[in-house]
Full PDB file with SEQRES, HELIX, SHEET, SSBOND, CRYST1, ORIGX, SCALE, CONECT and MASTER records, all heavy atoms in Angstrom:
SEQRES   1 A   31  LEU ALA ALA GLY THR GLY LYS GLU VAL ARG ALA ALA VAL          
SEQRES   2 A   31  VAL ARG HIS PRO LEU ARG ASP LEU VAL THR ARG SER GLU          
SEQRES   3 A   31  LYS TYR PRO LEU LEU                                          
HELIX    1 AA1 ALA A    2  THR A    5  1                                   4    
HELIX    2 AA2 LYS A    7  ARG A   15  1                                   9    
CRYST1    1.000    1.000    1.000  90.00  90.00  90.00 P 1           1          
ORIGX1      1.000000  0.000000  0.000000        0.00000                         
ORIGX2      0.000000  1.000000  0.000000        0.00000                         
ORIGX3      0.000000  0.000000  1.000000        0.00000                         
SCALE1      1.000000  0.000000  0.000000        0.00000                         
SCALE2      0.000000  1.000000  0.000000        0.00000                         
SCALE3      0.000000  0.000000  1.000000        0.00000                         
ATOM      1  N   LEU A   1     -50.025  41.221-204.155  1.00  0.00           N  
ATOM      2  CA  LEU A   1     -50.214  40.750-202.771  1.00  0.00           C  
ATOM      3  C   LEU A   1     -48.990  40.966-201.918  1.00  0.00           C  
ATOM      4  O   LEU A   1     -49.196  41.443-200.729  1.00  0.00           O  
ATOM      5  CB  LEU A   1     -50.502  39.157-202.778  1.00  0.00           C  
ATOM      6  CG  LEU A   1     -50.695  38.602-201.350  1.00  0.00           C  
ATOM      7  CD1 LEU A   1     -52.019  39.239-200.717  1.00  0.00           C  
ATOM      8  CD2 LEU A   1     -50.838  37.080-201.450  1.00  0.00           C  
ATOM      9  N   ALA A   2     -47.780  40.868-202.446  1.00  0.00           N  
ATOM     10  CA  ALA A   2     -46.561  41.083-201.662  1.00  0.00           C  
ATOM     11  C   ALA A   2     -46.545  42.585-201.297  1.00  0.00           C  
ATOM     12  O   ALA A   2     -46.049  42.911-200.209  1.00  0.00           O  
ATOM     13  CB  ALA A   2     -45.429  40.744-202.467  1.00  0.00           C  
ATOM     14  N   ALA A   3     -46.991  43.426-202.103  1.00  0.00           N  
ATOM     15  CA  ALA A   3     -46.985  44.860-201.793  1.00  0.00           C  
ATOM     16  C   ALA A   3     -47.919  45.135-200.536  1.00  0.00           C  
ATOM     17  O   ALA A   3     -47.606  46.145-199.802  1.00  0.00           O  
ATOM     18  CB  ALA A   3     -47.395  45.735-202.936  1.00  0.00           C  
ATOM     19  N   GLY A   4     -49.028  44.406-200.396  1.00  0.00           N  
ATOM     20  CA  GLY A   4     -49.952  44.656-199.342  1.00  0.00           C  
ATOM     21  C   GLY A   4     -49.594  43.986-198.066  1.00  0.00           C  
ATOM     22  O   GLY A   4     -50.240  44.184-197.015  1.00  0.00           O  
ATOM     23  N   THR A   5     -48.725  42.973-198.091  1.00  0.00           N  
ATOM     24  CA  THR A   5     -48.387  42.167-196.910  1.00  0.00           C  
ATOM     25  C   THR A   5     -46.919  42.189-196.606  1.00  0.00           C  
ATOM     26  O   THR A   5     -46.485  41.334-195.794  1.00  0.00           O  
ATOM     27  CB  THR A   5     -48.835  40.669-197.198  1.00  0.00           C  
ATOM     28  OG1 THR A   5     -48.165  40.145-198.321  1.00  0.00           O  
ATOM     29  CG2 THR A   5     -50.272  40.580-197.415  1.00  0.00           C  
ATOM     30  N   GLY A   6     -46.142  43.049-197.061  1.00  0.00           N  
ATOM     31  CA  GLY A   6     -44.653  43.125-196.844  1.00  0.00           C  
ATOM     32  C   GLY A   6     -44.397  43.637-195.406  1.00  0.00           C  
ATOM     33  O   GLY A   6     -45.229  44.150-194.718  1.00  0.00           O  
ATOM     34  N   LYS A   7     -43.083  43.551-195.070  1.00  0.00           N  
ATOM     35  CA  LYS A   7     -42.619  43.956-193.724  1.00  0.00           C  
ATOM     36  C   LYS A   7     -43.004  45.467-193.356  1.00  0.00           C  
ATOM     37  O   LYS A   7     -43.402  45.714-192.289  1.00  0.00           O  
ATOM     38  CB  LYS A   7     -41.177  43.619-193.550  1.00  0.00           C  
ATOM     39  CG  LYS A   7     -40.824  42.205-193.517  1.00  0.00           C  
ATOM     40  CD  LYS A   7     -39.311  42.050-193.296  1.00  0.00           C  
ATOM     41  CE  LYS A   7     -38.911  40.572-193.207  1.00  0.00           C  
ATOM     42  NZ  LYS A   7     -37.445  40.472-192.984  1.00  0.00           N  
ATOM     43  N   GLU A   8     -42.827  46.285-194.417  1.00  0.00           N  
ATOM     44  CA  GLU A   8     -43.018  47.719-194.174  1.00  0.00           C  
ATOM     45  C   GLU A   8     -44.476  48.022-193.827  1.00  0.00           C  
ATOM     46  O   GLU A   8     -44.784  48.703-192.905  1.00  0.00           O  
ATOM     47  CB  GLU A   8     -42.577  48.504-195.369  1.00  0.00           C  
ATOM     48  CG  GLU A   8     -42.422  49.977-195.085  1.00  0.00           C  
ATOM     49  CD  GLU A   8     -41.894  50.722-196.278  1.00  0.00           C  
ATOM     50  OE1 GLU A   8     -42.079  50.356-197.406  1.00  0.00           O  
ATOM     51  OE2 GLU A   8     -41.158  51.745-196.094  1.00  0.00           O  
ATOM     52  N   VAL A   9     -45.425  47.323-194.577  1.00  0.00           N  
ATOM     53  CA  VAL A   9     -46.812  47.525-194.304  1.00  0.00           C  
ATOM     54  C   VAL A   9     -47.179  46.961-192.951  1.00  0.00           C  
ATOM     55  O   VAL A   9     -47.938  47.534-192.155  1.00  0.00           O  
ATOM     56  CB  VAL A   9     -47.710  46.884-195.445  1.00  0.00           C  
ATOM     57  CG1 VAL A   9     -49.191  47.030-195.125  1.00  0.00           C  
ATOM     58  CG2 VAL A   9     -47.360  47.556-196.730  1.00  0.00           C  
ATOM     59  N   ARG A  10     -46.766  45.763-192.628  1.00  0.00           N  
ATOM     60  CA  ARG A  10     -47.093  45.090-191.324  1.00  0.00           C  
ATOM     61  C   ARG A  10     -46.462  45.930-190.158  1.00  0.00           C  
ATOM     62  O   ARG A  10     -47.144  46.046-189.190  1.00  0.00           O  
ATOM     63  CB  ARG A  10     -46.520  43.693-191.336  1.00  0.00           C  
ATOM     64  CG  ARG A  10     -47.224  42.802-192.278  1.00  0.00           C  
ATOM     65  CD  ARG A  10     -46.728  41.326-192.170  1.00  0.00           C  
ATOM     66  NE  ARG A  10     -47.372  40.424-193.023  1.00  0.00           N  
ATOM     67  CZ  ARG A  10     -48.498  39.886-192.872  1.00  0.00           C  
ATOM     68  NH1 ARG A  10     -49.177  40.061-191.806  1.00  0.00           N  
ATOM     69  NH2 ARG A  10     -49.075  39.046-193.783  1.00  0.00           N  
ATOM     70  N   ALA A  11     -45.283  46.543-190.362  1.00  0.00           N  
ATOM     71  CA  ALA A  11     -44.773  47.402-189.304  1.00  0.00           C  
ATOM     72  C   ALA A  11     -45.672  48.640-189.120  1.00  0.00           C  
ATOM     73  O   ALA A  11     -45.918  49.138-187.940  1.00  0.00           O  
ATOM     74  CB  ALA A  11     -43.364  47.766-189.554  1.00  0.00           C  
ATOM     75  N   ALA A  12     -46.210  49.223-190.202  1.00  0.00           N  
ATOM     76  CA  ALA A  12     -46.939  50.383-190.136  1.00  0.00           C  
ATOM     77  C   ALA A  12     -48.336  50.111-189.522  1.00  0.00           C  
ATOM     78  O   ALA A  12     -48.859  50.848-188.721  1.00  0.00           O  
ATOM     79  CB  ALA A  12     -47.233  50.970-191.562  1.00  0.00           C  
ATOM     80  N   VAL A  13     -48.865  48.878-189.731  1.00  0.00           N  
ATOM     81  CA  VAL A  13     -50.134  48.517-189.176  1.00  0.00           C  
ATOM     82  C   VAL A  13     -49.997  48.283-187.614  1.00  0.00           C  
ATOM     83  O   VAL A  13     -50.904  48.613-186.833  1.00  0.00           O  
ATOM     84  CB  VAL A  13     -50.599  47.241-189.784  1.00  0.00           C  
ATOM     85  CG1 VAL A  13     -51.786  46.619-189.023  1.00  0.00           C  
ATOM     86  CG2 VAL A  13     -51.049  47.535-191.219  1.00  0.00           C  
ATOM     87  N   VAL A  14     -48.764  47.892-187.205  1.00  0.00           N  
ATOM     88  CA  VAL A  14     -48.565  47.711-185.747  1.00  0.00           C  
ATOM     89  C   VAL A  14     -48.649  49.132-185.135  1.00  0.00           C  
ATOM     90  O   VAL A  14     -49.172  49.238-184.005  1.00  0.00           O  
ATOM     91  CB  VAL A  14     -47.199  47.083-185.483  1.00  0.00           C  
ATOM     92  CG1 VAL A  14     -46.890  47.230-183.989  1.00  0.00           C  
ATOM     93  CG2 VAL A  14     -47.279  45.598-185.872  1.00  0.00           C  
ATOM     94  N   ARG A  15     -48.015  50.117-185.761  1.00  0.00           N  
ATOM     95  CA  ARG A  15     -47.997  51.444-185.224  1.00  0.00           C  
ATOM     96  C   ARG A  15     -49.358  52.149-185.358  1.00  0.00           C  
ATOM     97  O   ARG A  15     -49.707  53.011-184.513  1.00  0.00           O  
ATOM     98  CB  ARG A  15     -46.976  52.315-185.934  1.00  0.00           C  
ATOM     99  CG  ARG A  15     -45.433  51.787-185.720  1.00  0.00           C  
ATOM    100  CD  ARG A  15     -44.488  52.862-186.255  1.00  0.00           C  
ATOM    101  NE  ARG A  15     -44.585  52.918-187.729  1.00  0.00           N  
ATOM    102  CZ  ARG A  15     -43.846  52.164-188.545  1.00  0.00           C  
ATOM    103  NH1 ARG A  15     -43.056  51.310-188.104  1.00  0.00           N  
ATOM    104  NH2 ARG A  15     -44.012  52.386-189.867  1.00  0.00           N  
ATOM    105  N   HIS A  16     -50.168  51.750-186.378  1.00  0.00           N  
ATOM    106  CA  HIS A  16     -51.398  52.391-186.612  1.00  0.00           C  
ATOM    107  C   HIS A  16     -52.393  51.330-186.982  1.00  0.00           C  
ATOM    108  O   HIS A  16     -52.742  51.092-188.127  1.00  0.00           O  
ATOM    109  CB  HIS A  16     -51.324  53.399-187.777  1.00  0.00           C  
ATOM    110  CG  HIS A  16     -52.520  54.256-187.961  1.00  0.00           C  
ATOM    111  ND1 HIS A  16     -52.684  55.412-187.239  1.00  0.00           N  
ATOM    112  CD2 HIS A  16     -53.615  54.149-188.749  1.00  0.00           C  
ATOM    113  CE1 HIS A  16     -53.845  55.972-187.603  1.00  0.00           C  
ATOM    114  NE2 HIS A  16     -54.391  55.209-188.538  1.00  0.00           N  
ATOM    115  N   PRO A  17     -52.933  50.562-185.960  1.00  0.00           N  
ATOM    116  CA  PRO A  17     -53.767  49.419-186.219  1.00  0.00           C  
ATOM    117  C   PRO A  17     -55.152  49.909-186.931  1.00  0.00           C  
ATOM    118  O   PRO A  17     -55.624  50.935-186.747  1.00  0.00           O  
ATOM    119  CB  PRO A  17     -54.096  48.887-184.870  1.00  0.00           C  
ATOM    120  CG  PRO A  17     -53.085  49.390-183.984  1.00  0.00           C  
ATOM    121  CD  PRO A  17     -52.663  50.785-184.500  1.00  0.00           C  
ATOM    122  N   LEU A  18     -55.567  49.027-187.734  1.00  0.00           N  
ATOM    123  CA  LEU A  18     -56.856  49.219-188.568  1.00  0.00           C  
ATOM    124  C   LEU A  18     -57.990  48.457-187.777  1.00  0.00           C  
ATOM    125  O   LEU A  18     -58.147  47.311-187.832  1.00  0.00           O  
ATOM    126  CB  LEU A  18     -56.733  48.708-189.896  1.00  0.00           C  
ATOM    127  CG  LEU A  18     -55.517  49.266-190.641  1.00  0.00           C  
ATOM    128  CD1 LEU A  18     -55.608  48.792-192.170  1.00  0.00           C  
ATOM    129  CD2 LEU A  18     -55.347  50.656-190.581  1.00  0.00           C  
ATOM    130  N   ARG A  19     -58.631  49.230-186.860  1.00  0.00           N  
ATOM    131  CA  ARG A  19     -59.590  48.637-185.937  1.00  0.00           C  
ATOM    132  C   ARG A  19     -61.062  48.890-186.252  1.00  0.00           C  
ATOM    133  O   ARG A  19     -61.466  49.907-186.823  1.00  0.00           O  
ATOM    134  CB  ARG A  19     -59.296  49.180-184.522  1.00  0.00           C  
ATOM    135  CG  ARG A  19     -57.842  49.238-184.162  1.00  0.00           C  
ATOM    136  CD  ARG A  19     -57.599  49.475-182.635  1.00  0.00           C  
ATOM    137  NE  ARG A  19     -58.339  50.725-182.100  1.00  0.00           N  
ATOM    138  CZ  ARG A  19     -58.567  50.990-180.928  1.00  0.00           C  
ATOM    139  NH1 ARG A  19     -58.237  50.071-179.966  1.00  0.00           N  
ATOM    140  NH2 ARG A  19     -59.170  52.122-180.583  1.00  0.00           N  
ATOM    141  N   ASP A  20     -61.892  47.862-185.917  1.00  0.00           N  
ATOM    142  CA  ASP A  20     -63.281  47.892-186.148  1.00  0.00           C  
ATOM    143  C   ASP A  20     -64.021  47.303-184.982  1.00  0.00           C  
ATOM    144  O   ASP A  20     -63.493  46.485-184.252  1.00  0.00           O  
ATOM    145  CB  ASP A  20     -63.667  47.234-187.474  1.00  0.00           C  
ATOM    146  CG  ASP A  20     -65.124  47.520-187.875  1.00  0.00           C  
ATOM    147  OD1 ASP A  20     -65.646  48.578-187.514  1.00  0.00           O  
ATOM    148  OD2 ASP A  20     -65.705  46.581-188.539  1.00  0.00           O  
ATOM    149  N   LEU A  21     -65.247  47.726-184.745  1.00  0.00           N  
ATOM    150  CA  LEU A  21     -66.106  47.241-183.732  1.00  0.00           C  
ATOM    151  C   LEU A  21     -65.452  47.325-182.344  1.00  0.00           C  
ATOM    152  O   LEU A  21     -65.400  46.386-181.528  1.00  0.00           O  
ATOM    153  CB  LEU A  21     -66.492  45.796-183.962  1.00  0.00           C  
ATOM    154  CG  LEU A  21     -67.166  45.526-185.314  1.00  0.00           C  
ATOM    155  CD1 LEU A  21     -67.467  44.074-185.500  1.00  0.00           C  
ATOM    156  CD2 LEU A  21     -68.454  46.257-185.409  1.00  0.00           C  
ATOM    157  N   VAL A  22     -64.755  48.414-182.052  1.00  0.00           N  
ATOM    158  CA  VAL A  22     -64.001  48.634-180.915  1.00  0.00           C  
ATOM    159  C   VAL A  22     -64.922  48.536-179.640  1.00  0.00           C  
ATOM    160  O   VAL A  22     -65.918  49.303-179.655  1.00  0.00           O  
ATOM    161  CB  VAL A  22     -63.202  49.972-180.840  1.00  0.00           C  
ATOM    162  CG1 VAL A  22     -62.530  50.143-179.464  1.00  0.00           C  
ATOM    163  CG2 VAL A  22     -62.205  49.969-182.014  1.00  0.00           C  
ATOM    164  N   THR A  23     -64.640  47.717-178.668  1.00  0.00           N  
ATOM    165  CA  THR A  23     -65.478  47.586-177.513  1.00  0.00           C  
ATOM    166  C   THR A  23     -64.571  47.723-176.217  1.00  0.00           C  
ATOM    167  O   THR A  23     -63.524  47.045-176.107  1.00  0.00           O  
ATOM    168  CB  THR A  23     -66.162  46.217-177.445  1.00  0.00           C  
ATOM    169  OG1 THR A  23     -66.849  45.939-178.673  1.00  0.00           O  
ATOM    170  CG2 THR A  23     -67.111  46.108-176.281  1.00  0.00           C  
ATOM    171  N   ARG A  24     -64.970  48.682-175.442  1.00  0.00           N  
ATOM    172  CA  ARG A  24     -64.096  48.936-174.180  1.00  0.00           C  
ATOM    173  C   ARG A  24     -64.737  48.377-172.978  1.00  0.00           C  
ATOM    174  O   ARG A  24     -66.038  48.487-172.790  1.00  0.00           O  
ATOM    175  CB  ARG A  24     -63.952  50.412-174.099  1.00  0.00           C  
ATOM    176  CG  ARG A  24     -63.049  50.851-172.863  1.00  0.00           C  
ATOM    177  CD  ARG A  24     -62.936  52.402-172.749  1.00  0.00           C  
ATOM    178  NE  ARG A  24     -62.067  52.850-173.785  1.00  0.00           N  
ATOM    179  CZ  ARG A  24     -61.726  54.205-173.874  1.00  0.00           C  
ATOM    180  NH1 ARG A  24     -62.209  55.134-173.069  1.00  0.00           N  
ATOM    181  NH2 ARG A  24     -60.902  54.601-174.881  1.00  0.00           N  
ATOM    182  N   SER A  25     -63.880  47.775-172.093  1.00  0.00           N  
ATOM    183  CA  SER A  25     -64.381  47.342-170.800  1.00  0.00           C  
ATOM    184  C   SER A  25     -64.634  48.589-169.846  1.00  0.00           C  
ATOM    185  O   SER A  25     -64.446  49.696-170.279  1.00  0.00           O  
ATOM    186  CB  SER A  25     -63.302  46.416-170.080  1.00  0.00           C  
ATOM    187  OG  SER A  25     -62.223  47.297-169.630  1.00  0.00           O  
ATOM    188  N   GLU A  26     -65.139  48.269-168.663  1.00  0.00           N  
ATOM    189  CA  GLU A  26     -65.282  49.250-167.675  1.00  0.00           C  
ATOM    190  C   GLU A  26     -63.829  49.844-167.319  1.00  0.00           C  
ATOM    191  O   GLU A  26     -62.847  49.074-167.586  1.00  0.00           O  
ATOM    192  CB  GLU A  26     -65.901  48.693-166.406  1.00  0.00           C  
ATOM    193  CG  GLU A  26     -67.319  48.241-166.499  1.00  0.00           C  
ATOM    194  CD  GLU A  26     -67.806  47.689-165.156  1.00  0.00           C  
ATOM    195  OE1 GLU A  26     -67.550  48.310-164.092  1.00  0.00           O  
ATOM    196  OE2 GLU A  26     -68.471  46.710-165.156  1.00  0.00           O  
ATOM    197  N   LYS A  27     -63.837  50.955-166.691  1.00  0.00           N  
ATOM    198  CA  LYS A  27     -62.549  51.473-166.118  1.00  0.00           C  
ATOM    199  C   LYS A  27     -62.436  50.885-164.724  1.00  0.00           C  
ATOM    200  O   LYS A  27     -63.452  50.828-163.972  1.00  0.00           O  
ATOM    201  CB  LYS A  27     -62.539  52.947-166.015  1.00  0.00           C  
ATOM    202  CG  LYS A  27     -62.363  53.776-167.300  1.00  0.00           C  
ATOM    203  CD  LYS A  27     -62.234  55.184-167.030  1.00  0.00           C  
ATOM    204  CE  LYS A  27     -62.006  56.045-168.324  1.00  0.00           C  
ATOM    205  NZ  LYS A  27     -61.889  57.479-167.953  1.00  0.00           N  
ATOM    206  N   TYR A  28     -61.191  50.498-164.380  1.00  0.00           N  
ATOM    207  CA  TYR A  28     -60.983  49.943-163.059  1.00  0.00           C  
ATOM    208  C   TYR A  28     -59.896  50.682-162.372  1.00  0.00           C  
ATOM    209  O   TYR A  28     -58.955  51.220-162.939  1.00  0.00           O  
ATOM    210  CB  TYR A  28     -60.571  48.455-163.179  1.00  0.00           C  
ATOM    211  CG  TYR A  28     -61.600  47.573-163.775  1.00  0.00           C  
ATOM    212  CD1 TYR A  28     -61.590  47.141-165.081  1.00  0.00           C  
ATOM    213  CD2 TYR A  28     -62.749  47.227-162.919  1.00  0.00           C  
ATOM    214  CE1 TYR A  28     -62.633  46.460-165.621  1.00  0.00           C  
ATOM    215  CE2 TYR A  28     -63.735  46.432-163.461  1.00  0.00           C  
ATOM    216  CZ  TYR A  28     -63.667  46.031-164.814  1.00  0.00           C  
ATOM    217  OH  TYR A  28     -64.684  45.199-165.291  1.00  0.00           O  
ATOM    218  N   PRO A  29     -59.983  50.846-161.051  1.00  0.00           N  
ATOM    219  CA  PRO A  29     -59.046  51.780-160.387  1.00  0.00           C  
ATOM    220  C   PRO A  29     -57.712  51.073-160.170  1.00  0.00           C  
ATOM    221  O   PRO A  29     -57.438  49.894-159.985  1.00  0.00           O  
ATOM    222  CB  PRO A  29     -59.717  51.940-158.924  1.00  0.00           C  
ATOM    223  CG  PRO A  29     -60.522  50.712-158.795  1.00  0.00           C  
ATOM    224  CD  PRO A  29     -61.005  50.276-160.147  1.00  0.00           C  
ATOM    225  N   LEU A  30     -56.626  52.008-160.173  1.00  0.00           N  
ATOM    226  CA  LEU A  30     -55.261  51.646-159.935  1.00  0.00           C  
ATOM    227  C   LEU A  30     -54.620  52.702-159.024  1.00  0.00           C  
ATOM    228  O   LEU A  30     -54.526  53.888-159.524  1.00  0.00           O  
ATOM    229  CB  LEU A  30     -54.599  51.504-161.275  1.00  0.00           C  
ATOM    230  CG  LEU A  30     -52.991  51.296-161.284  1.00  0.00           C  
ATOM    231  CD1 LEU A  30     -52.621  49.869-160.659  1.00  0.00           C  
ATOM    232  CD2 LEU A  30     -52.414  51.417-162.562  1.00  0.00           C  
ATOM    233  N   LEU A  31     -54.258  52.389-157.838  1.00  0.00           N  
ATOM    234  CA  LEU A  31     -53.728  53.280-156.937  1.00  0.00           C  
ATOM    235  C   LEU A  31     -52.212  53.233-157.080  1.00  0.00           C  
ATOM    236  O   LEU A  31     -51.483  52.304-156.812  1.00  0.00           O  
ATOM    237  CB  LEU A  31     -54.157  53.013-155.511  1.00  0.00           C  
ATOM    238  CG  LEU A  31     -53.469  53.882-154.417  1.00  0.00           C  
ATOM    239  CD1 LEU A  31     -53.858  55.386-154.607  1.00  0.00           C  
ATOM    240  CD2 LEU A  31     -53.916  53.422-152.980  1.00  0.00           C  
TER     241      LEU A  31                                                      
MASTER        0    0    0    2    0    0    0    6  240    1    0    3          
END                                                                             
């Protein structure tokens, strides 16, 4: 368990998130 939840793995997940069911809002304008 420690190997799968250590700092190095958590930092890697921040850089490369493991995402599912991604849902995007509308695009909104920004001038």
